[in-house]
Amino acid sequence: GGENIYFIWSTSDVSEEELARNAMKAFYEEIKYYNYNRPQLQLRAAHFTNLVWKSVEKMGVGLYMGRYTNNHGACNVVANKERPATG
């Protein structure tokens, strides 16, 4: 765990900031699926828990925006939480 991926197709220009903001909002909106009375892995809320997990101090975010001939753009956001080195 620890990786969140967000993907959209778009025919309009989207700024990197807007794309990142929309991805984080989509991840956070999974809060509605999280059951605080049963705090174990809940797949429908996995992106949300990656954002708010107690031990997560840093998260890196990468963006990719590509334009295709049919004027549709592919936009990807990948967010990974930092894991401490082990071993």
PDB file of N, CA and C in Angstrom:
ATOM      1  N   GLY A   1       0.804  -1.181   0.000  1.00  0.00           N
ATOM      2  CA  GLY A   1       0.000   0.000   0.000  1.00  0.00           C
ATOM      3  C   GLY A   1       0.846   1.242   0.000  1.00  0.00           C
ATOM      4  N   GLY A   2       0.186   2.351  -0.042  1.00  0.00           N
ATOM      5  CA  GLY A   2       0.886   3.615   0.030  1.00  0.00           C
ATOM      6  C   GLY A   2       0.936   4.386  -1.270  1.00  0.00           C
ATOM      7  N   GLU A   3       0.359   3.834  -2.348  1.00  0.00           N
ATOM      8  CA  GLU A   3       0.370   4.538  -3.622  1.00  0.00           C
ATOM      9  C   GLU A   3      -1.060   4.825  -4.058  1.00  0.00           C
ATOM     10  N   ASN A   4      -1.321   6.070  -4.377  1.00  0.00           N
ATOM     11  CA  ASN A   4      -2.617   6.487  -4.899  1.00  0.00           C
ATOM     12  C   ASN A   4      -2.432   6.913  -6.348  1.00  0.00           C
ATOM     13  N   ILE A   5      -3.317   6.461  -7.225  1.00  0.00           N
ATOM     14  CA  ILE A   5      -3.249   6.834  -8.634  1.00  0.00           C
ATOM     15  C   ILE A   5      -4.592   7.433  -9.047  1.00  0.00           C
ATOM     16  N   TYR A   6      -4.526   8.568  -9.726  1.00  0.00           N
ATOM     17  CA  TYR A   6      -5.712   9.284 -10.209  1.00  0.00           C
ATOM     18  C   TYR A   6      -5.528   9.495 -11.707  1.00  0.00           C
ATOM     19  N   PHE A   7      -6.551   9.233 -12.495  1.00  0.00           N
ATOM     20  CA  PHE A   7      -6.461   9.359 -13.950  1.00  0.00           C
ATOM     21  C   PHE A   7      -7.744   9.980 -14.493  1.00  0.00           C
ATOM     22  N   ILE A   8      -7.603  10.923 -15.401  1.00  0.00           N
ATOM     23  CA  ILE A   8      -8.770  11.484 -16.095  1.00  0.00           C
ATOM     24  C   ILE A   8      -8.421  11.731 -17.562  1.00  0.00           C
ATOM     25  N   TRP A   9      -9.445  11.730 -18.399  1.00  0.00           N
ATOM     26  CA  TRP A   9      -9.358  12.224 -19.771  1.00  0.00           C
ATOM     27  C   TRP A   9      -9.990  13.600 -19.761  1.00  0.00           C
ATOM     28  N   SER A  10      -9.424  14.524 -20.511  1.00  0.00           N
ATOM     29  CA  SER A  10      -9.977  15.871 -20.532  1.00  0.00           C
ATOM     30  C   SER A  10      -9.839  16.472 -21.926  1.00  0.00           C
ATOM     31  N   THR A  11     -10.842  17.210 -22.357  1.00  0.00           N
ATOM     32  CA  THR A  11     -10.756  17.955 -23.616  1.00  0.00           C
ATOM     33  C   THR A  11     -10.442  19.423 -23.357  1.00  0.00           C
ATOM     34  N   SER A  12     -10.349  19.804 -22.104  1.00  0.00           N
ATOM     35  CA  SER A  12     -10.013  21.186 -21.766  1.00  0.00           C
ATOM     36  C   SER A  12      -8.660  21.215 -21.072  1.00  0.00           C
ATOM     37  N   ASP A  13      -8.041  22.372 -21.114  1.00  0.00           N
ATOM     38  CA  ASP A  13      -6.754  22.523 -20.446  1.00  0.00           C
ATOM     39  C   ASP A  13      -6.961  22.572 -18.939  1.00  0.00           C
ATOM     40  N   VAL A  14      -6.153  21.820 -18.243  1.00  0.00           N
ATOM     41  CA  VAL A  14      -6.193  21.765 -16.786  1.00  0.00           C
ATOM     42  C   VAL A  14      -4.790  22.095 -16.297  1.00  0.00           C
ATOM     43  N   SER A  15      -4.685  23.011 -15.355  1.00  0.00           N
ATOM     44  CA  SER A  15      -3.367  23.342 -14.819  1.00  0.00           C
ATOM     45  C   SER A  15      -2.877  22.214 -13.918  1.00  0.00           C
ATOM     46  N   GLU A  16      -1.569  22.142 -13.740  1.00  0.00           N
ATOM     47  CA  GLU A  16      -1.003  21.130 -12.846  1.00  0.00           C
ATOM     48  C   GLU A  16      -1.558  21.286 -11.436  1.00  0.00           C
ATOM     49  N   GLU A  17      -1.690  22.531 -10.990  1.00  0.00           N
ATOM     50  CA  GLU A  17      -2.217  22.788  -9.649  1.00  0.00           C
ATOM     51  C   GLU A  17      -3.655  22.284  -9.519  1.00  0.00           C
ATOM     52  N   GLU A  18      -4.473  22.560 -10.523  1.00  0.00           N
ATOM     53  CA  GLU A  18      -5.868  22.112 -10.488  1.00  0.00           C
ATOM     54  C   GLU A  18      -5.955  20.587 -10.534  1.00  0.00           C
ATOM     55  N   LEU A  19      -5.120  19.964 -11.353  1.00  0.00           N
ATOM     56  CA  LEU A  19      -5.102  18.508 -11.446  1.00  0.00           C
ATOM     57  C   LEU A  19      -4.724  17.883 -10.107  1.00  0.00           C
ATOM     58  N   ALA A  20      -3.678  18.394  -9.475  1.00  0.00           N
ATOM     59  CA  ALA A  20      -3.259  17.871  -8.168  1.00  0.00           C
ATOM     60  C   ALA A  20      -4.345  18.091  -7.120  1.00  0.00           C
ATOM     61  N   ARG A  21      -4.943  19.276  -7.126  1.00  0.00           N
ATOM     62  CA  ARG A  21      -6.009  19.579  -6.160  1.00  0.00           C
ATOM     63  C   ARG A  21      -7.203  18.637  -6.358  1.00  0.00           C
ATOM     64  N   ASN A  22      -7.605  18.406  -7.605  1.00  0.00           N
ATOM     65  CA  ASN A  22      -8.728  17.505  -7.881  1.00  0.00           C
ATOM     66  C   ASN A  22      -8.423  16.074  -7.457  1.00  0.00           C
ATOM     67  N   ALA A  23      -7.193  15.635  -7.671  1.00  0.00           N
ATOM     68  CA  ALA A  23      -6.809  14.278  -7.263  1.00  0.00           C
ATOM     69  C   ALA A  23      -6.887  14.132  -5.749  1.00  0.00           C
ATOM     70  N   MET A  24      -6.306  15.077  -5.019  1.00  0.00           N
ATOM     71  CA  MET A  24      -6.323  14.988  -3.556  1.00  0.00           C
ATOM     72  C   MET A  24      -7.753  15.057  -3.029  1.00  0.00           C
ATOM     73  N   LYS A  25      -8.580  15.887  -3.661  1.00  0.00           N
ATOM     74  CA  LYS A  25      -9.988  15.975  -3.255  1.00  0.00           C
ATOM     75  C   LYS A  25     -10.690  14.635  -3.475  1.00  0.00           C
ATOM     76  N   ALA A  26     -10.446  13.999  -4.625  1.00  0.00           N
ATOM     77  CA  ALA A  26     -11.062  12.694  -4.907  1.00  0.00           C
ATOM     78  C   ALA A  26     -10.606  11.648  -3.893  1.00  0.00           C
ATOM     79  N   PHE A  27      -9.324  11.655  -3.557  1.00  0.00           N
ATOM     80  CA  PHE A  27      -8.818  10.704  -2.559  1.00  0.00           C
ATOM     81  C   PHE A  27      -9.480  10.961  -1.206  1.00  0.00           C
ATOM     82  N   TYR A  28      -9.552  12.232  -0.822  1.00  0.00           N
ATOM     83  CA  TYR A  28     -10.099  12.569   0.498  1.00  0.00           C
ATOM     84  C   TYR A  28     -11.597  12.277   0.588  1.00  0.00           C
ATOM     85  N   GLU A  29     -12.307  12.397  -0.511  1.00  0.00           N
ATOM     86  CA  GLU A  29     -13.756  12.153  -0.489  1.00  0.00           C
ATOM     87  C   GLU A  29     -14.112  10.712  -0.137  1.00  0.00           C
ATOM     88  N   GLU A  30     -13.136   9.822  -0.151  1.00  0.00           N
ATOM     89  CA  GLU A  30     -13.391   8.438   0.269  1.00  0.00           C
ATOM     90  C   GLU A  30     -13.644   8.338   1.774  1.00  0.00           C
ATOM     91  N   ILE A  31     -13.522   9.446   2.482  1.00  0.00           N
ATOM     92  CA  ILE A  31     -13.820   9.466   3.914  1.00  0.00           C
ATOM     93  C   ILE A  31     -15.225   8.918   4.173  1.00  0.00           C
ATOM     94  N   LYS A  32     -16.134   9.132   3.225  1.00  0.00           N
ATOM     95  CA  LYS A  32     -17.514   8.660   3.413  1.00  0.00           C
ATOM     96  C   LYS A  32     -17.602   7.141   3.489  1.00  0.00           C
ATOM     97  N   TYR A  33     -16.568   6.441   3.029  1.00  0.00           N
ATOM     98  CA  TYR A  33     -16.567   4.978   3.086  1.00  0.00           C
ATOM     99  C   TYR A  33     -15.802   4.429   4.292  1.00  0.00           C
ATOM    100  N   TYR A  34     -15.144   5.310   5.047  1.00  0.00           N
ATOM    101  CA  TYR A  34     -14.322   4.850   6.171  1.00  0.00           C
ATOM    102  C   TYR A  34     -15.184   4.651   7.411  1.00  0.00           C
ATOM    103  N   ASN A  35     -15.041   3.510   8.034  1.00  0.00           N
ATOM    104  CA  ASN A  35     -15.789   3.191   9.246  1.00  0.00           C
ATOM    105  C   ASN A  35     -14.841   3.322  10.438  1.00  0.00           C
ATOM    106  N   TYR A  36     -14.999   4.386  11.200  1.00  0.00           N
ATOM    107  CA  TYR A  36     -14.123   4.637  12.347  1.00  0.00           C
ATOM    108  C   TYR A  36     -14.329   3.617  13.462  1.00  0.00           C
ATOM    109  N   ASN A  37     -15.437   2.916  13.459  1.00  0.00           N
ATOM    110  CA  ASN A  37     -15.686   1.881  14.467  1.00  0.00           C
ATOM    111  C   ASN A  37     -14.968   0.577  14.140  1.00  0.00           C
ATOM    112  N   ARG A  38     -14.498   0.426  12.903  1.00  0.00           N
ATOM    113  CA  ARG A  38     -13.782  -0.779  12.476  1.00  0.00           C
ATOM    114  C   ARG A  38     -12.537  -0.344  11.706  1.00  0.00           C
ATOM    115  N   PRO A  39     -11.503   0.138  12.398  1.00  0.00           N
ATOM    116  CA  PRO A  39     -10.338   0.729  11.721  1.00  0.00           C
ATOM    117  C   PRO A  39      -9.340  -0.284  11.143  1.00  0.00           C
ATOM    118  N   GLN A  40      -9.810  -1.182  10.301  1.00  0.00           N
ATOM    119  CA  GLN A  40      -8.904  -2.055   9.573  1.00  0.00           C
ATOM    120  C   GLN A  40      -8.961  -1.663   8.096  1.00  0.00           C
ATOM    121  N   LEU A  41      -8.223  -2.380   7.252  1.00  0.00           N
ATOM    122  CA  LEU A  41      -8.206  -2.064   5.830  1.00  0.00           C
ATOM    123  C   LEU A  41      -9.618  -2.057   5.257  1.00  0.00           C
ATOM    124  N   GLN A  42      -9.951  -0.965   4.605  1.00  0.00           N
ATOM    125  CA  GLN A  42     -11.243  -0.817   3.942  1.00  0.00           C
ATOM    126  C   GLN A  42     -10.950  -0.362   2.514  1.00  0.00           C
ATOM    127  N   LEU A  43     -11.075  -1.265   1.558  1.00  0.00           N
ATOM    128  CA  LEU A  43     -10.646  -0.986   0.192  1.00  0.00           C
ATOM    129  C   LEU A  43     -11.304   0.250  -0.414  1.00  0.00           C
ATOM    130  N   ARG A  44     -12.560   0.480  -0.117  1.00  0.00           N
ATOM    131  CA  ARG A  44     -13.243   1.653  -0.694  1.00  0.00           C
ATOM    132  C   ARG A  44     -12.703   2.966  -0.134  1.00  0.00           C
ATOM    133  N   ALA A  45     -11.965   2.907   0.955  1.00  0.00           N
ATOM    134  CA  ALA A  45     -11.401   4.109   1.569  1.00  0.00           C
ATOM    135  C   ALA A  45      -9.876   4.089   1.566  1.00  0.00           C
ATOM    136  N   ALA A  46      -9.269   3.245   0.743  1.00  0.00           N
ATOM    137  CA  ALA A  46      -7.810   3.074   0.769  1.00  0.00           C
ATOM    138  C   ALA A  46      -7.046   4.347   0.413  1.00  0.00           C
ATOM    139  N   HIS A  47      -7.506   5.111  -0.578  1.00  0.00           N
ATOM    140  CA  HIS A  47      -6.815   6.354  -0.938  1.00  0.00           C
ATOM    141  C   HIS A  47      -6.893   7.357   0.212  1.00  0.00           C
ATOM    142  N   PHE A  48      -8.062   7.433   0.837  1.00  0.00           N
ATOM    143  CA  PHE A  48      -8.247   8.332   1.981  1.00  0.00           C
ATOM    144  C   PHE A  48      -7.289   7.974   3.110  1.00  0.00           C
ATOM    145  N   THR A  49      -7.226   6.688   3.465  1.00  0.00           N
ATOM    146  CA  THR A  49      -6.370   6.309   4.593  1.00  0.00           C
ATOM    147  C   THR A  49      -4.898   6.555   4.285  1.00  0.00           C
ATOM    148  N   ASN A  50      -4.482   6.434   3.020  1.00  0.00           N
ATOM    149  CA  ASN A  50      -3.096   6.764   2.674  1.00  0.00           C
ATOM    150  C   ASN A  50      -2.789   8.232   2.931  1.00  0.00           C
ATOM    151  N   LEU A  51      -3.771   9.105   2.750  1.00  0.00           N
ATOM    152  CA  LEU A  51      -3.554  10.538   2.980  1.00  0.00           C
ATOM    153  C   LEU A  51      -3.470  10.889   4.457  1.00  0.00           C
ATOM    154  N   VAL A  52      -4.264  10.225   5.279  1.00  0.00           N
ATOM    155  CA  VAL A  52      -4.396  10.659   6.672  1.00  0.00           C
ATOM    156  C   VAL A  52      -3.763   9.710   7.683  1.00  0.00           C
ATOM    157  N   TRP A  53      -3.093   8.664   7.224  1.00  0.00           N
ATOM    158  CA  TRP A  53      -2.496   7.681   8.136  1.00  0.00           C
ATOM    159  C   TRP A  53      -1.584   8.383   9.126  1.00  0.00           C
ATOM    160  N   LYS A  54      -1.698   8.028  10.385  1.00  0.00           N
ATOM    161  CA  LYS A  54      -0.999   8.712  11.473  1.00  0.00           C
ATOM    162  C   LYS A  54       0.509   8.801  11.264  1.00  0.00           C
ATOM    163  N   SER A  55       1.132   7.732  10.778  1.00  0.00           N
ATOM    164  CA  SER A  55       2.589   7.721  10.661  1.00  0.00           C
ATOM    165  C   SER A  55       3.113   8.396   9.393  1.00  0.00           C
ATOM    166  N   VAL A  56       2.233   8.816   8.500  1.00  0.00           N
ATOM    167  CA  VAL A  56       2.678   9.461   7.260  1.00  0.00           C
ATOM    168  C   VAL A  56       3.031  10.916   7.547  1.00  0.00           C
ATOM    169  N   GLU A  57       4.283  11.262   7.288  1.00  0.00           N
ATOM    170  CA  GLU A  57       4.725  12.637   7.484  1.00  0.00           C
ATOM    171  C   GLU A  57       4.943  13.363   6.162  1.00  0.00           C
ATOM    172  N   LYS A  58       5.263  12.595   5.113  1.00  0.00           N
ATOM    173  CA  LYS A  58       5.531  13.201   3.812  1.00  0.00           C
ATOM    174  C   LYS A  58       4.893  12.364   2.716  1.00  0.00           C
ATOM    175  N   MET A  59       4.454  13.060   1.673  1.00  0.00           N
ATOM    176  CA  MET A  59       3.908  12.376   0.508  1.00  0.00           C
ATOM    177  C   MET A  59       4.427  13.095  -0.728  1.00  0.00           C
ATOM    178  N   GLY A  60       4.933  12.335  -1.674  1.00  0.00           N
ATOM    179  CA  GLY A  60       5.395  12.893  -2.940  1.00  0.00           C
ATOM    180  C   GLY A  60       4.306  12.743  -3.988  1.00  0.00           C
ATOM    181  N   VAL A  61       4.214  13.730  -4.872  1.00  0.00           N
ATOM    182  CA  VAL A  61       3.180  13.709  -5.906  1.00  0.00           C
ATOM    183  C   VAL A  61       3.835  13.976  -7.258  1.00  0.00           C
ATOM    184  N   GLY A  62       3.521  13.129  -8.240  1.00  0.00           N
ATOM    185  CA  GLY A  62       4.002  13.315  -9.606  1.00  0.00           C
ATOM    186  C   GLY A  62       2.819  13.483 -10.542  1.00  0.00           C
ATOM    187  N   LEU A  63       2.980  14.334 -11.550  1.00  0.00           N
ATOM    188  CA  LEU A  63       1.908  14.609 -12.507  1.00  0.00           C
ATOM    189  C   LEU A  63       2.383  14.309 -13.919  1.00  0.00           C
ATOM    190  N   TYR A  64       1.481  13.821 -14.743  1.00  0.00           N
ATOM    191  CA  TYR A  64       1.750  13.659 -16.173  1.00  0.00           C
ATOM    192  C   TYR A  64       0.531  14.174 -16.926  1.00  0.00           C
ATOM    193  N   MET A  65       0.774  15.035 -17.892  1.00  0.00           N
ATOM    194  CA  MET A  65      -0.315  15.550 -18.715  1.00  0.00           C
ATOM    195  C   MET A  65       0.106  15.413 -20.172  1.00  0.00           C
ATOM    196  N   GLY A  66      -0.644  14.643 -20.958  1.00  0.00           N
ATOM    197  CA  GLY A  66      -0.323  14.445 -22.368  1.00  0.00           C
ATOM    198  C   GLY A  66      -1.485  14.851 -23.247  1.00  0.00           C
ATOM    199  N   ARG A  67      -1.192  15.314 -24.442  1.00  0.00           N
ATOM    200  CA  ARG A  67      -2.229  15.734 -25.386  1.00  0.00           C
ATOM    201  C   ARG A  67      -2.165  14.805 -26.599  1.00  0.00           C
ATOM    202  N   TYR A  68      -3.311  14.386 -27.062  1.00  0.00           N
ATOM    203  CA  TYR A  68      -3.385  13.471 -28.198  1.00  0.00           C
ATOM    204  C   TYR A  68      -4.038  14.152 -29.389  1.00  0.00           C
ATOM    205  N   THR A  69      -3.947  13.559 -30.565  1.00  0.00           N
ATOM    206  CA  THR A  69      -4.424  14.188 -31.799  1.00  0.00           C
ATOM    207  C   THR A  69      -5.918  14.470 -31.807  1.00  0.00           C
ATOM    208  N   ASN A  70      -6.700  13.716 -31.080  1.00  0.00           N
ATOM    209  CA  ASN A  70      -8.141  13.962 -31.035  1.00  0.00           C
ATOM    210  C   ASN A  70      -8.511  15.029 -30.005  1.00  0.00           C
ATOM    211  N   ASN A  71      -7.513  15.770 -29.540  1.00  0.00           N
ATOM    212  CA  ASN A  71      -7.669  16.855 -28.574  1.00  0.00           C
ATOM    213  C   ASN A  71      -8.104  16.385 -27.191  1.00  0.00           C
ATOM    214  N   HIS A  72      -7.982  15.111 -26.926  1.00  0.00           N
ATOM    215  CA  HIS A  72      -8.213  14.604 -25.576  1.00  0.00           C
ATOM    216  C   HIS A  72      -6.868  14.533 -24.861  1.00  0.00           C
ATOM    217  N   GLY A  73      -6.878  14.886 -23.623  1.00  0.00           N
ATOM    218  CA  GLY A  73      -5.658  14.813 -22.838  1.00  0.00           C
ATOM    219  C   GLY A  73      -5.757  13.732 -21.785  1.00  0.00           C
ATOM    220  N   ALA A  74      -4.663  13.050 -21.569  1.00  0.00           N
ATOM    221  CA  ALA A  74      -4.583  12.065 -20.492  1.00  0.00           C
ATOM    222  C   ALA A  74      -3.850  12.721 -19.340  1.00  0.00           C
ATOM    223  N   CYS A  75      -4.426  12.664 -18.176  1.00  0.00           N
ATOM    224  CA  CYS A  75      -3.826  13.274 -16.995  1.00  0.00           C
ATOM    225  C   CYS A  75      -3.714  12.218 -15.905  1.00  0.00           C
ATOM    226  N   ASN A  76      -2.527  12.055 -15.389  1.00  0.00           N
ATOM    227  CA  ASN A  76      -2.283  11.093 -14.315  1.00  0.00           C
ATOM    228  C   ASN A  76      -1.670  11.803 -13.125  1.00  0.00           C
ATOM    229  N   VAL A  77      -2.064  11.400 -11.940  1.00  0.00           N
ATOM    230  CA  VAL A  77      -1.438  11.852 -10.703  1.00  0.00           C
ATOM    231  C   VAL A  77      -1.096  10.604  -9.909  1.00  0.00           C
ATOM    232  N   VAL A  78       0.147  10.519  -9.462  1.00  0.00           N
ATOM    233  CA  VAL A  78       0.572   9.416  -8.607  1.00  0.00           C
ATOM    234  C   VAL A  78       1.087  10.027  -7.315  1.00  0.00           C
ATOM    235  N   ALA A  79       0.548   9.576  -6.203  1.00  0.00           N
ATOM    236  CA  ALA A  79       0.965  10.062  -4.887  1.00  0.00           C
ATOM    237  C   ALA A  79       1.473   8.876  -4.078  1.00  0.00           C
ATOM    238  N   ASN A  80       2.667   9.009  -3.544  1.00  0.00           N
ATOM    239  CA  ASN A  80       3.261   7.955  -2.725  1.00  0.00           C
ATOM    240  C   ASN A  80       3.628   8.509  -1.366  1.00  0.00           C
ATOM    241  N   LYS A  81       3.290   7.743  -0.329  1.00  0.00           N
ATOM    242  CA  LYS A  81       3.710   8.169   0.999  1.00  0.00           C
ATOM    243  C   LYS A  81       5.137   7.704   1.220  1.00  0.00           C
ATOM    244  N   GLU A  82       5.877   8.492   1.976  1.00  0.00           N
ATOM    245  CA  GLU A  82       7.264   8.147   2.294  1.00  0.00           C
ATOM    246  C   GLU A  82       7.277   7.034   3.322  1.00  0.00           C
ATOM    247  N   ARG A  83       8.101   6.047   3.069  1.00  0.00           N
ATOM    248  CA  ARG A  83       8.242   4.941   4.016  1.00  0.00           C
ATOM    249  C   ARG A  83       9.628   4.999   4.636  1.00  0.00           C
ATOM    250  N   PRO A  84       9.730   4.778   5.926  1.00  0.00           N
ATOM    251  CA  PRO A  84      11.057   4.742   6.531  1.00  0.00           C
ATOM    252  C   PRO A  84      11.841   3.540   6.018  1.00  0.00           C
ATOM    253  N   ALA A  85      13.147   3.695   5.888  1.00  0.00           N
ATOM    254  CA  ALA A  85      14.004   2.583   5.464  1.00  0.00           C
ATOM    255  C   ALA A  85      14.003   1.503   6.531  1.00  0.00           C
ATOM    256  N   THR A  86      14.008   0.263   6.095  1.00  0.00           N
ATOM    257  CA  THR A  86      14.040  -0.856   7.035  1.00  0.00           C
ATOM    258  C   THR A  86      15.168  -1.789   6.660  1.00  0.00           C
ATOM    259  N   GLY A  87      15.547  -2.610   7.621  1.00  0.00           N
ATOM    260  CA  GLY A  87      16.401  -3.703   7.320  1.00  0.00           C
ATOM    261  C   GLY A  87      17.802  -3.640   7.557  1.00  0.00           C
TER     262      GLY A  87
END
